[in-house]
Amino acid sequence: MIDRIKKFVFGGEKEREVVSLMREQIGLIIDTCELMKMIIEQNDNAVVGDVCEAEKMGDAIRRDIVIRIYSGAFIPAIRSDFCSLAEELDEILDELEDIAMLFLSIKSIPDELRDDFIRVAEINAQMSYDLLRAFNALEEGGLSDILLKIKISEEEVDSIKGRVYQKLPQMRFENFAEWYFFIKFVEKLLDVSDRIEDAADRIQILNVSVR
C-alpha cells in the first residue's frame, strides 16, 4: 500500500523533474562541503570563487523547483513541505558561501583550533552525503537509520563546539574587526551541521506525509 502511494506521489513527470532538481541541489551542497574541507585543511582560498558559483547555481535551482511545484507538481497537501525543503537546502549553500567569504577576512586559523575545524569540515561533508541518502530514502526506504546517523554526527559537532568555545577566550586578536570576522567564521562553520539536520528533519516530515 505504501509503495503504491509513493508511486502516485512521485511518479508523474513534473514530480520526477522536481526530485531530480533537488538531488542536484543536494549535490551542490556535497561539492561545496568538499571545497570547504580544502579551504580549511590547506588554507586554500583559491576555491572560494567556486563556492560562490555553487551558491548562485543553487539559487537558480531553488527558483526552478518552486516554480515547478506551484505549476502543479505534487499533491497540494505536501507542496509547502517540498518548497520548505528547497529553501532549507538553499540556506545551507548560503551558509557555506558566508564561511568561504569570511575565510578571506581572517588572517589564519590558529593552530589550537585547526584540528577541530578540520574535523567539523569532515563531519559536514559526511552529513551532506547522508542528506542525499536521506532524500533518496523517501522512495527507497531505510530513512530511520540514515536520520540516526545524521543526528549522531550533529551531536559530535556539538561536542566539538563546546571545546572550541572553551578555547576562544584564550585567542588574541589585533583589533575588533579581526575578532568579529573570526567569531562569525566559527559560528557559521559550527552551524552547518544544524542546518543539515534541519533539512533531514524536513525529509522525515515528508516521509510521514506521503504514507
N, C-alpha and C. Protein backbone atom coordinates (compact mmCIF):
# COMPACT_ATOMS: atom_id res chain seq x y z
N MET A 1 0.83 -1.21 0.00
CA MET A 1 0.00 0.00 0.00
C MET A 1 0.86 1.26 0.00
N ILE A 2 1.89 1.31 0.90
CA ILE A 2 2.77 2.48 0.97
C ILE A 2 3.50 2.67 -0.35
N ASP A 3 3.97 1.57 -0.96
CA ASP A 3 4.68 1.68 -2.24
C ASP A 3 3.78 2.26 -3.31
N ARG A 4 2.50 1.89 -3.31
CA ARG A 4 1.57 2.42 -4.31
C ARG A 4 1.35 3.92 -4.11
N ILE A 5 1.26 4.32 -2.83
CA ILE A 5 1.08 5.76 -2.55
C ILE A 5 2.30 6.54 -3.01
N LYS A 6 3.50 6.03 -2.71
CA LYS A 6 4.71 6.73 -3.12
C LYS A 6 4.83 6.79 -4.64
N LYS A 7 4.41 5.75 -5.32
CA LYS A 7 4.43 5.77 -6.77
C LYS A 7 3.47 6.84 -7.29
N PHE A 8 2.33 6.99 -6.64
CA PHE A 8 1.38 8.02 -7.03
C PHE A 8 1.96 9.42 -6.78
N VAL A 9 2.63 9.59 -5.64
CA VAL A 9 3.18 10.91 -5.27
C VAL A 9 4.34 11.30 -6.15
N PHE A 10 5.25 10.36 -6.43
CA PHE A 10 6.50 10.69 -7.12
C PHE A 10 6.51 10.30 -8.60
N GLY A 11 5.46 9.65 -9.07
CA GLY A 11 5.53 9.02 -10.38
C GLY A 11 5.32 9.90 -11.58
N GLY A 12 4.76 11.11 -11.39
CA GLY A 12 4.48 11.96 -12.54
C GLY A 12 5.72 12.64 -13.10
N GLU A 13 5.60 13.15 -14.32
CA GLU A 13 6.74 13.79 -14.98
C GLU A 13 7.20 15.04 -14.21
N LYS A 14 6.24 15.87 -13.79
CA LYS A 14 6.61 17.09 -13.06
C LYS A 14 7.27 16.74 -11.73
N GLU A 15 6.75 15.72 -11.08
CA GLU A 15 7.33 15.31 -9.80
C GLU A 15 8.76 14.80 -9.98
N ARG A 16 8.99 14.01 -11.04
CA ARG A 16 10.33 13.49 -11.28
C ARG A 16 11.31 14.62 -11.58
N GLU A 17 10.83 15.66 -12.26
CA GLU A 17 11.70 16.80 -12.55
C GLU A 17 12.13 17.50 -11.26
N VAL A 18 11.17 17.68 -10.34
CA VAL A 18 11.49 18.34 -9.07
C VAL A 18 12.45 17.49 -8.25
N VAL A 19 12.19 16.20 -8.20
CA VAL A 19 13.07 15.29 -7.45
C VAL A 19 14.49 15.36 -8.02
N SER A 20 14.61 15.37 -9.34
CA SER A 20 15.93 15.45 -9.98
C SER A 20 16.63 16.77 -9.63
N LEU A 21 15.88 17.87 -9.62
CA LEU A 21 16.45 19.17 -9.27
C LEU A 21 16.91 19.19 -7.81
N MET A 22 16.14 18.57 -6.94
CA MET A 22 16.52 18.54 -5.53
C MET A 22 17.77 17.70 -5.32
N ARG A 23 17.90 16.62 -6.05
CA ARG A 23 19.14 15.84 -5.98
C ARG A 23 20.32 16.69 -6.45
N GLU A 24 20.08 17.49 -7.50
CA GLU A 24 21.14 18.38 -8.00
C GLU A 24 21.49 19.41 -6.93
N GLN A 25 20.48 19.93 -6.25
CA GLN A 25 20.69 20.91 -5.19
C GLN A 25 21.54 20.32 -4.06
N ILE A 26 21.21 19.10 -3.64
CA ILE A 26 21.99 18.44 -2.59
C ILE A 26 23.39 18.11 -3.09
N GLY A 27 23.50 17.78 -4.38
CA GLY A 27 24.82 17.54 -4.96
C GLY A 27 25.71 18.76 -4.87
N LEU A 28 25.13 19.95 -5.04
CA LEU A 28 25.90 21.18 -4.88
C LEU A 28 26.37 21.35 -3.44
N ILE A 29 25.51 20.97 -2.48
CA ILE A 29 25.91 21.04 -1.08
C ILE A 29 27.09 20.10 -0.82
N ILE A 30 27.03 18.89 -1.37
CA ILE A 30 28.13 17.94 -1.22
C ILE A 30 29.42 18.52 -1.79
N ASP A 31 29.35 19.05 -3.01
CA ASP A 31 30.54 19.61 -3.65
C ASP A 31 31.11 20.78 -2.84
N THR A 32 30.20 21.62 -2.32
CA THR A 32 30.65 22.80 -1.58
C THR A 32 31.26 22.42 -0.24
N CYS A 33 30.69 21.42 0.42
CA CYS A 33 31.29 20.93 1.67
C CYS A 33 32.69 20.37 1.42
N GLU A 34 32.87 19.70 0.30
CA GLU A 34 34.20 19.19 -0.04
C GLU A 34 35.17 20.34 -0.31
N LEU A 35 34.68 21.40 -0.96
CA LEU A 35 35.51 22.58 -1.17
C LEU A 35 35.91 23.23 0.16
N MET A 36 34.96 23.26 1.10
CA MET A 36 35.26 23.84 2.41
C MET A 36 36.34 23.04 3.14
N LYS A 37 36.33 21.72 2.96
CA LYS A 37 37.40 20.90 3.53
C LYS A 37 38.75 21.33 2.97
N MET A 38 38.81 21.57 1.67
CA MET A 38 40.06 22.01 1.04
C MET A 38 40.50 23.36 1.59
N ILE A 39 39.54 24.27 1.73
CA ILE A 39 39.86 25.61 2.23
C ILE A 39 40.47 25.53 3.62
N ILE A 40 39.86 24.73 4.49
CA ILE A 40 40.30 24.68 5.89
C ILE A 40 41.54 23.82 6.06
N GLU A 41 41.59 22.67 5.39
CA GLU A 41 42.75 21.78 5.54
C GLU A 41 44.02 22.38 4.95
N GLN A 42 43.87 23.07 3.82
CA GLN A 42 45.04 23.52 3.07
C GLN A 42 45.23 25.03 3.09
N ASN A 43 44.39 25.73 3.85
CA ASN A 43 44.43 27.20 3.83
C ASN A 43 44.30 27.71 2.39
N ASP A 44 43.42 27.07 1.63
CA ASP A 44 43.31 27.32 0.20
C ASP A 44 42.14 28.24 -0.08
N ASN A 45 42.45 29.51 -0.38
CA ASN A 45 41.37 30.43 -0.71
C ASN A 45 41.12 30.53 -2.21
N ALA A 46 41.85 29.72 -2.99
CA ALA A 46 41.70 29.77 -4.45
C ALA A 46 40.34 29.24 -4.91
N VAL A 47 39.70 28.41 -4.07
CA VAL A 47 38.43 27.80 -4.48
C VAL A 47 37.23 28.55 -3.90
N VAL A 48 37.47 29.67 -3.24
CA VAL A 48 36.35 30.45 -2.70
C VAL A 48 35.40 30.86 -3.81
N GLY A 49 35.94 31.22 -4.96
CA GLY A 49 35.10 31.58 -6.10
C GLY A 49 34.20 30.44 -6.54
N ASP A 50 34.70 29.20 -6.44
CA ASP A 50 33.88 28.03 -6.79
C ASP A 50 32.71 27.87 -5.83
N VAL A 51 32.96 28.18 -4.55
CA VAL A 51 31.89 28.12 -3.55
C VAL A 51 30.81 29.14 -3.88
N CYS A 52 31.22 30.34 -4.24
CA CYS A 52 30.25 31.40 -4.58
C CYS A 52 29.46 31.02 -5.83
N GLU A 53 30.12 30.41 -6.79
CA GLU A 53 29.44 29.99 -8.01
C GLU A 53 28.41 28.90 -7.71
N ALA A 54 28.76 27.98 -6.81
CA ALA A 54 27.82 26.93 -6.43
C ALA A 54 26.58 27.52 -5.76
N GLU A 55 26.78 28.57 -4.95
CA GLU A 55 25.64 29.21 -4.29
C GLU A 55 24.71 29.86 -5.32
N LYS A 56 25.28 30.47 -6.34
CA LYS A 56 24.45 31.08 -7.40
C LYS A 56 23.67 30.01 -8.15
N MET A 57 24.33 28.91 -8.45
CA MET A 57 23.64 27.80 -9.12
C MET A 57 22.52 27.27 -8.24
N GLY A 58 22.77 27.20 -6.93
CA GLY A 58 21.74 26.73 -6.00
C GLY A 58 20.54 27.64 -5.98
N ASP A 59 20.76 28.95 -6.04
CA ASP A 59 19.65 29.90 -6.09
C ASP A 59 18.77 29.65 -7.31
N ALA A 60 19.41 29.43 -8.46
CA ALA A 60 18.66 29.20 -9.69
C ALA A 60 17.85 27.90 -9.60
N ILE A 61 18.46 26.87 -9.01
CA ILE A 61 17.75 25.60 -8.86
C ILE A 61 16.56 25.75 -7.93
N ARG A 62 16.76 26.47 -6.81
CA ARG A 62 15.65 26.68 -5.87
C ARG A 62 14.48 27.38 -6.54
N ARG A 63 14.76 28.42 -7.31
CA ARG A 63 13.68 29.12 -8.01
C ARG A 63 12.96 28.19 -8.98
N ASP A 64 13.73 27.37 -9.68
CA ASP A 64 13.14 26.43 -10.64
C ASP A 64 12.25 25.42 -9.93
N ILE A 65 12.70 24.94 -8.78
CA ILE A 65 11.92 23.98 -8.00
C ILE A 65 10.58 24.59 -7.57
N VAL A 66 10.63 25.78 -7.01
CA VAL A 66 9.41 26.42 -6.52
C VAL A 66 8.44 26.67 -7.66
N ILE A 67 8.94 27.14 -8.80
CA ILE A 67 8.07 27.38 -9.96
C ILE A 67 7.39 26.09 -10.40
N ARG A 68 8.15 25.01 -10.48
CA ARG A 68 7.58 23.73 -10.92
C ARG A 68 6.56 23.19 -9.92
N ILE A 69 6.84 23.37 -8.64
CA ILE A 69 5.90 22.88 -7.62
C ILE A 69 4.57 23.63 -7.73
N TYR A 70 4.64 24.93 -7.85
CA TYR A 70 3.40 25.70 -7.92
C TYR A 70 2.79 25.74 -9.31
N SER A 71 3.43 25.03 -10.24
CA SER A 71 2.83 24.82 -11.57
C SER A 71 2.11 23.48 -11.63
N GLY A 72 2.09 22.77 -10.48
CA GLY A 72 1.28 21.56 -10.42
C GLY A 72 1.99 20.30 -9.99
N ALA A 73 3.27 20.38 -9.66
CA ALA A 73 3.97 19.18 -9.19
C ALA A 73 3.52 18.85 -7.76
N PHE A 74 3.28 17.57 -7.51
CA PHE A 74 2.89 17.04 -6.20
C PHE A 74 1.45 17.46 -5.82
N ILE A 75 0.90 16.67 -4.92
CA ILE A 75 -0.44 16.98 -4.44
C ILE A 75 -0.36 18.19 -3.52
N PRO A 76 -1.41 19.01 -3.45
CA PRO A 76 -1.36 20.26 -2.68
C PRO A 76 -0.94 20.09 -1.23
N ALA A 77 -1.28 18.97 -0.61
CA ALA A 77 -1.01 18.78 0.82
C ALA A 77 0.48 18.78 1.16
N ILE A 78 1.34 18.44 0.19
CA ILE A 78 2.78 18.34 0.50
C ILE A 78 3.61 19.36 -0.26
N ARG A 79 2.99 20.22 -1.03
CA ARG A 79 3.77 21.19 -1.81
C ARG A 79 4.57 22.12 -0.91
N SER A 80 3.96 22.58 0.17
CA SER A 80 4.66 23.53 1.04
C SER A 80 5.88 22.88 1.69
N ASP A 81 5.78 21.58 2.01
CA ASP A 81 6.92 20.89 2.62
C ASP A 81 8.08 20.76 1.63
N PHE A 82 7.76 20.49 0.37
CA PHE A 82 8.82 20.42 -0.64
C PHE A 82 9.45 21.79 -0.86
N CYS A 83 8.62 22.83 -0.87
CA CYS A 83 9.16 24.19 -1.00
C CYS A 83 10.05 24.54 0.19
N SER A 84 9.60 24.16 1.39
CA SER A 84 10.40 24.43 2.59
C SER A 84 11.73 23.70 2.54
N LEU A 85 11.71 22.46 2.05
CA LEU A 85 12.95 21.71 1.94
C LEU A 85 13.90 22.40 0.96
N ALA A 86 13.37 22.87 -0.17
CA ALA A 86 14.20 23.58 -1.15
C ALA A 86 14.82 24.82 -0.53
N GLU A 87 14.05 25.54 0.28
CA GLU A 87 14.56 26.74 0.95
C GLU A 87 15.64 26.38 1.96
N GLU A 88 15.45 25.32 2.71
CA GLU A 88 16.43 24.91 3.72
C GLU A 88 17.74 24.46 3.07
N LEU A 89 17.63 23.77 1.93
CA LEU A 89 18.83 23.37 1.21
C LEU A 89 19.57 24.60 0.69
N ASP A 90 18.82 25.58 0.21
CA ASP A 90 19.43 26.82 -0.28
C ASP A 90 20.13 27.57 0.86
N GLU A 91 19.54 27.53 2.04
CA GLU A 91 20.16 28.20 3.19
C GLU A 91 21.49 27.55 3.58
N ILE A 92 21.60 26.25 3.39
CA ILE A 92 22.88 25.57 3.65
C ILE A 92 23.95 26.12 2.71
N LEU A 93 23.60 26.25 1.43
CA LEU A 93 24.55 26.81 0.47
C LEU A 93 24.90 28.25 0.80
N ASP A 94 23.91 29.03 1.24
CA ASP A 94 24.17 30.41 1.66
C ASP A 94 25.18 30.43 2.80
N GLU A 95 24.98 29.54 3.76
CA GLU A 95 25.86 29.49 4.93
C GLU A 95 27.29 29.12 4.52
N LEU A 96 27.41 28.17 3.62
CA LEU A 96 28.73 27.75 3.16
C LEU A 96 29.43 28.88 2.41
N GLU A 97 28.67 29.64 1.62
CA GLU A 97 29.27 30.79 0.95
C GLU A 97 29.76 31.82 1.97
N ASP A 98 28.96 32.08 2.99
CA ASP A 98 29.37 33.02 4.04
C ASP A 98 30.67 32.58 4.69
N ILE A 99 30.79 31.29 4.98
CA ILE A 99 32.00 30.76 5.61
C ILE A 99 33.21 31.01 4.71
N ALA A 100 33.04 30.72 3.41
CA ALA A 100 34.14 30.90 2.47
C ALA A 100 34.56 32.37 2.38
N MET A 101 33.60 33.27 2.35
CA MET A 101 33.92 34.70 2.27
C MET A 101 34.57 35.18 3.56
N LEU A 102 34.09 34.69 4.69
CA LEU A 102 34.70 35.08 5.97
C LEU A 102 36.12 34.57 6.08
N PHE A 103 36.40 33.42 5.46
CA PHE A 103 37.77 32.88 5.49
C PHE A 103 38.74 33.88 4.87
N LEU A 104 38.28 34.62 3.86
CA LEU A 104 39.14 35.62 3.23
C LEU A 104 39.44 36.79 4.16
N SER A 105 38.59 36.96 5.19
CA SER A 105 38.73 38.10 6.10
C SER A 105 39.54 37.79 7.35
N ILE A 106 39.88 36.51 7.55
CA ILE A 106 40.68 36.17 8.73
C ILE A 106 42.11 35.86 8.29
N LYS A 107 43.06 36.19 9.14
CA LYS A 107 44.47 36.02 8.75
C LYS A 107 44.84 34.55 8.62
N SER A 108 44.42 33.76 9.59
CA SER A 108 44.76 32.34 9.59
C SER A 108 43.93 31.64 10.66
N ILE A 109 43.91 30.32 10.59
CA ILE A 109 43.25 29.53 11.62
C ILE A 109 44.29 29.19 12.68
N PRO A 110 44.06 29.55 13.94
CA PRO A 110 45.04 29.26 15.00
C PRO A 110 45.33 27.76 15.09
N ASP A 111 46.55 27.43 15.37
CA ASP A 111 46.94 26.02 15.47
C ASP A 111 46.11 25.28 16.52
N GLU A 112 45.73 25.98 17.59
CA GLU A 112 44.96 25.35 18.67
C GLU A 112 43.58 24.87 18.20
N LEU A 113 43.09 25.47 17.11
CA LEU A 113 41.73 25.15 16.64
C LEU A 113 41.72 24.41 15.30
N ARG A 114 42.86 24.31 14.66
CA ARG A 114 42.88 23.75 13.30
C ARG A 114 42.31 22.34 13.26
N ASP A 115 42.75 21.46 14.14
CA ASP A 115 42.26 20.07 14.11
C ASP A 115 40.74 20.01 14.33
N ASP A 116 40.25 20.85 15.25
CA ASP A 116 38.80 20.88 15.49
C ASP A 116 38.05 21.34 14.24
N PHE A 117 38.55 22.37 13.57
CA PHE A 117 37.88 22.89 12.38
C PHE A 117 37.92 21.88 11.24
N ILE A 118 39.05 21.21 11.10
CA ILE A 118 39.15 20.18 10.06
C ILE A 118 38.14 19.07 10.32
N ARG A 119 38.03 18.66 11.58
CA ARG A 119 37.08 17.59 11.91
C ARG A 119 35.65 18.04 11.63
N VAL A 120 35.31 19.29 11.97
CA VAL A 120 33.97 19.79 11.68
C VAL A 120 33.71 19.79 10.17
N ALA A 121 34.68 20.22 9.39
CA ALA A 121 34.52 20.23 7.93
C ALA A 121 34.32 18.81 7.40
N GLU A 122 35.03 17.85 7.98
CA GLU A 122 34.86 16.45 7.57
C GLU A 122 33.46 15.95 7.90
N ILE A 123 32.99 16.28 9.10
CA ILE A 123 31.65 15.84 9.50
C ILE A 123 30.58 16.49 8.62
N ASN A 124 30.74 17.78 8.35
CA ASN A 124 29.77 18.46 7.49
C ASN A 124 29.70 17.79 6.12
N ALA A 125 30.87 17.42 5.58
CA ALA A 125 30.89 16.76 4.28
C ALA A 125 30.18 15.40 4.34
N GLN A 126 30.47 14.62 5.38
CA GLN A 126 29.83 13.32 5.52
C GLN A 126 28.32 13.47 5.68
N MET A 127 27.91 14.46 6.45
CA MET A 127 26.47 14.69 6.64
C MET A 127 25.79 15.08 5.33
N SER A 128 26.51 15.77 4.46
CA SER A 128 25.91 16.15 3.18
C SER A 128 25.63 14.91 2.32
N TYR A 129 26.55 13.94 2.36
CA TYR A 129 26.30 12.68 1.65
C TYR A 129 25.11 11.94 2.28
N ASP A 130 25.05 11.95 3.60
CA ASP A 130 23.94 11.29 4.28
C ASP A 130 22.62 12.00 3.99
N LEU A 131 22.66 13.31 3.78
CA LEU A 131 21.45 14.05 3.43
C LEU A 131 20.91 13.58 2.08
N LEU A 132 21.79 13.34 1.13
CA LEU A 132 21.35 12.81 -0.16
C LEU A 132 20.75 11.42 0.01
N ARG A 133 21.39 10.60 0.83
CA ARG A 133 20.85 9.26 1.10
C ARG A 133 19.47 9.36 1.74
N ALA A 134 19.30 10.32 2.64
CA ALA A 134 18.00 10.51 3.30
C ALA A 134 16.94 10.91 2.28
N PHE A 135 17.29 11.82 1.37
CA PHE A 135 16.33 12.23 0.35
C PHE A 135 15.95 11.06 -0.54
N ASN A 136 16.93 10.27 -0.95
CA ASN A 136 16.65 9.09 -1.78
C ASN A 136 15.78 8.09 -1.04
N ALA A 137 15.91 8.05 0.29
CA ALA A 137 15.14 7.10 1.09
C ALA A 137 13.65 7.42 1.11
N LEU A 138 13.27 8.62 0.69
CA LEU A 138 11.84 8.92 0.55
C LEU A 138 11.16 7.91 -0.37
N GLU A 139 11.91 7.48 -1.36
CA GLU A 139 11.36 6.49 -2.30
C GLU A 139 11.87 5.08 -2.03
N GLU A 140 13.10 4.99 -1.55
CA GLU A 140 13.74 3.68 -1.44
C GLU A 140 13.55 3.02 -0.08
N GLY A 141 13.23 3.83 0.96
CA GLY A 141 13.08 3.29 2.31
C GLY A 141 14.40 3.33 3.08
N GLY A 142 14.32 2.95 4.36
CA GLY A 142 15.51 2.91 5.21
C GLY A 142 15.88 4.26 5.79
N LEU A 143 14.90 5.16 5.87
CA LEU A 143 15.20 6.53 6.31
C LEU A 143 15.64 6.61 7.77
N SER A 144 15.05 5.82 8.64
CA SER A 144 15.30 5.98 10.08
C SER A 144 16.77 5.78 10.42
N ASP A 145 17.44 4.80 9.81
CA ASP A 145 18.85 4.56 10.09
C ASP A 145 19.71 5.74 9.65
N ILE A 146 19.35 6.33 8.51
CA ILE A 146 20.13 7.46 7.99
C ILE A 146 19.94 8.67 8.89
N LEU A 147 18.72 8.91 9.33
CA LEU A 147 18.45 10.04 10.22
C LEU A 147 19.20 9.89 11.54
N LEU A 148 19.29 8.67 12.03
CA LEU A 148 20.04 8.43 13.27
C LEU A 148 21.52 8.77 13.07
N LYS A 149 22.07 8.39 11.92
CA LYS A 149 23.47 8.69 11.63
C LYS A 149 23.69 10.20 11.57
N ILE A 150 22.76 10.92 10.96
CA ILE A 150 22.86 12.39 10.88
C ILE A 150 22.82 12.99 12.27
N LYS A 151 21.94 12.48 13.11
CA LYS A 151 21.81 13.00 14.47
C LYS A 151 23.10 12.77 15.26
N ILE A 152 23.69 11.60 15.13
CA ILE A 152 24.93 11.29 15.84
C ILE A 152 26.05 12.22 15.37
N SER A 153 26.10 12.48 14.07
CA SER A 153 27.12 13.38 13.53
C SER A 153 26.94 14.79 14.07
N GLU A 154 25.70 15.25 14.13
CA GLU A 154 25.43 16.60 14.64
C GLU A 154 25.82 16.69 16.11
N GLU A 155 25.59 15.63 16.86
CA GLU A 155 25.97 15.62 18.28
C GLU A 155 27.49 15.68 18.44
N GLU A 156 28.23 15.07 17.52
CA GLU A 156 29.69 15.16 17.59
C GLU A 156 30.14 16.61 17.36
N VAL A 157 29.51 17.29 16.40
CA VAL A 157 29.83 18.70 16.18
C VAL A 157 29.51 19.52 17.43
N ASP A 158 28.41 19.20 18.09
CA ASP A 158 28.05 19.91 19.33
C ASP A 158 29.15 19.75 20.38
N SER A 159 29.71 18.56 20.49
CA SER A 159 30.77 18.35 21.48
C SER A 159 32.03 19.13 21.10
N ILE A 160 32.32 19.19 19.80
CA ILE A 160 33.46 19.99 19.34
C ILE A 160 33.20 21.47 19.59
N LYS A 161 31.96 21.89 19.39
CA LYS A 161 31.59 23.28 19.63
C LYS A 161 31.92 23.70 21.06
N GLY A 162 31.58 22.83 22.02
CA GLY A 162 31.88 23.14 23.41
C GLY A 162 33.38 23.30 23.63
N ARG A 163 34.17 22.45 23.00
CA ARG A 163 35.62 22.52 23.14
C ARG A 163 36.18 23.79 22.50
N VAL A 164 35.64 24.15 21.33
CA VAL A 164 36.10 25.36 20.63
C VAL A 164 35.79 26.59 21.46
N TYR A 165 34.58 26.67 22.01
CA TYR A 165 34.20 27.86 22.77
C TYR A 165 34.99 27.98 24.08
N GLN A 166 35.48 26.86 24.58
CA GLN A 166 36.35 26.93 25.75
C GLN A 166 37.71 27.54 25.40
N LYS A 167 38.15 27.32 24.17
CA LYS A 167 39.46 27.82 23.73
C LYS A 167 39.41 29.27 23.28
N LEU A 168 38.25 29.72 22.82
CA LEU A 168 38.16 31.06 22.23
C LEU A 168 38.62 32.19 23.16
N PRO A 169 38.31 32.16 24.46
CA PRO A 169 38.77 33.27 25.31
C PRO A 169 40.28 33.42 25.37
N GLN A 170 41.02 32.36 25.03
CA GLN A 170 42.48 32.45 25.06
C GLN A 170 43.06 33.02 23.76
N MET A 171 42.19 33.15 22.73
CA MET A 171 42.66 33.68 21.46
C MET A 171 42.92 35.18 21.57
N ARG A 172 43.96 35.65 20.89
CA ARG A 172 44.30 37.07 20.89
C ARG A 172 44.16 37.65 19.49
N PHE A 173 43.52 38.82 19.40
CA PHE A 173 43.27 39.46 18.12
C PHE A 173 43.81 40.88 18.15
N GLU A 174 44.22 41.35 17.00
CA GLU A 174 44.83 42.68 16.92
C GLU A 174 43.80 43.80 17.06
N ASN A 175 42.59 43.57 16.59
CA ASN A 175 41.57 44.61 16.65
C ASN A 175 40.18 43.98 16.64
N PHE A 176 39.17 44.82 16.79
CA PHE A 176 37.79 44.33 16.87
C PHE A 176 37.36 43.65 15.57
N ALA A 177 37.73 44.24 14.43
CA ALA A 177 37.32 43.67 13.14
C ALA A 177 37.84 42.25 12.97
N GLU A 178 39.11 42.03 13.33
CA GLU A 178 39.69 40.69 13.22
C GLU A 178 38.95 39.71 14.12
N TRP A 179 38.66 40.15 15.35
CA TRP A 179 37.90 39.30 16.28
C TRP A 179 36.51 38.99 15.74
N TYR A 180 35.83 40.02 15.22
CA TYR A 180 34.45 39.86 14.75
C TYR A 180 34.38 38.86 13.60
N PHE A 181 35.24 39.03 12.61
CA PHE A 181 35.19 38.14 11.44
C PHE A 181 35.54 36.70 11.84
N PHE A 182 36.48 36.55 12.76
CA PHE A 182 36.83 35.20 13.18
C PHE A 182 35.69 34.53 13.94
N ILE A 183 35.03 35.26 14.83
CA ILE A 183 33.91 34.69 15.59
C ILE A 183 32.77 34.32 14.66
N LYS A 184 32.48 35.17 13.67
CA LYS A 184 31.42 34.84 12.71
C LYS A 184 31.79 33.60 11.91
N PHE A 185 33.06 33.48 11.54
CA PHE A 185 33.53 32.29 10.82
C PHE A 185 33.29 31.04 11.65
N VAL A 186 33.65 31.10 12.92
CA VAL A 186 33.47 29.95 13.81
C VAL A 186 31.99 29.61 13.95
N GLU A 187 31.16 30.61 14.22
CA GLU A 187 29.74 30.37 14.41
C GLU A 187 29.11 29.69 13.20
N LYS A 188 29.41 30.21 12.02
CA LYS A 188 28.79 29.67 10.82
C LYS A 188 29.31 28.28 10.47
N LEU A 189 30.62 28.06 10.67
CA LEU A 189 31.16 26.73 10.41
C LEU A 189 30.49 25.68 11.30
N LEU A 190 30.27 26.05 12.56
CA LEU A 190 29.65 25.12 13.51
C LEU A 190 28.15 25.00 13.31
N ASP A 191 27.56 25.90 12.52
CA ASP A 191 26.12 25.91 12.31
C ASP A 191 25.68 25.03 11.15
N VAL A 192 26.61 24.67 10.27
CA VAL A 192 26.24 23.91 9.07
C VAL A 192 25.58 22.58 9.43
N SER A 193 26.12 21.89 10.43
CA SER A 193 25.56 20.59 10.81
C SER A 193 24.12 20.74 11.31
N ASP A 194 23.83 21.82 12.02
CA ASP A 194 22.46 22.07 12.48
C ASP A 194 21.52 22.24 11.29
N ARG A 195 21.98 22.97 10.29
CA ARG A 195 21.13 23.22 9.12
C ARG A 195 20.91 21.95 8.31
N ILE A 196 21.94 21.11 8.23
CA ILE A 196 21.76 19.83 7.54
C ILE A 196 20.77 18.95 8.31
N GLU A 197 20.88 18.95 9.63
CA GLU A 197 19.94 18.17 10.44
C GLU A 197 18.52 18.71 10.27
N ASP A 198 18.36 20.03 10.18
CA ASP A 198 17.02 20.62 9.96
C ASP A 198 16.44 20.14 8.63
N ALA A 199 17.27 20.09 7.60
CA ALA A 199 16.80 19.61 6.29
C ALA A 199 16.41 18.14 6.38
N ALA A 200 17.19 17.36 7.12
CA ALA A 200 16.86 15.95 7.31
C ALA A 200 15.55 15.79 8.05
N ASP A 201 15.30 16.66 9.02
CA ASP A 201 14.02 16.63 9.74
C ASP A 201 12.86 16.92 8.79
N ARG A 202 13.08 17.83 7.85
CA ARG A 202 12.03 18.14 6.86
C ARG A 202 11.77 16.93 5.98
N ILE A 203 12.80 16.20 5.65
CA ILE A 203 12.63 14.97 4.87
C ILE A 203 11.83 13.95 5.66
N GLN A 204 12.07 13.88 6.97
CA GLN A 204 11.30 12.98 7.81
C GLN A 204 9.82 13.36 7.80
N ILE A 205 9.54 14.66 7.86
CA ILE A 205 8.13 15.12 7.79
C ILE A 205 7.51 14.71 6.47
N LEU A 206 8.25 14.88 5.38
CA LEU A 206 7.74 14.48 4.07
C LEU A 206 7.50 12.98 4.02
N ASN A 207 8.38 12.22 4.63
CA ASN A 207 8.23 10.76 4.63
C ASN A 207 6.93 10.33 5.30
N VAL A 208 6.58 11.03 6.38
CA VAL A 208 5.32 10.74 7.06
C VAL A 208 4.14 11.18 6.20
N SER A 209 4.28 12.31 5.53
CA SER A 209 3.18 12.88 4.76
C SER A 209 2.80 12.02 3.56
N VAL A 210 3.77 11.31 2.98
CA VAL A 210 3.47 10.54 1.76
C VAL A 210 3.05 9.13 2.06
N ARG A 211 2.91 8.78 3.33
CA ARG A 211 2.46 7.42 3.66
C ARG A 211 0.95 7.32 3.55
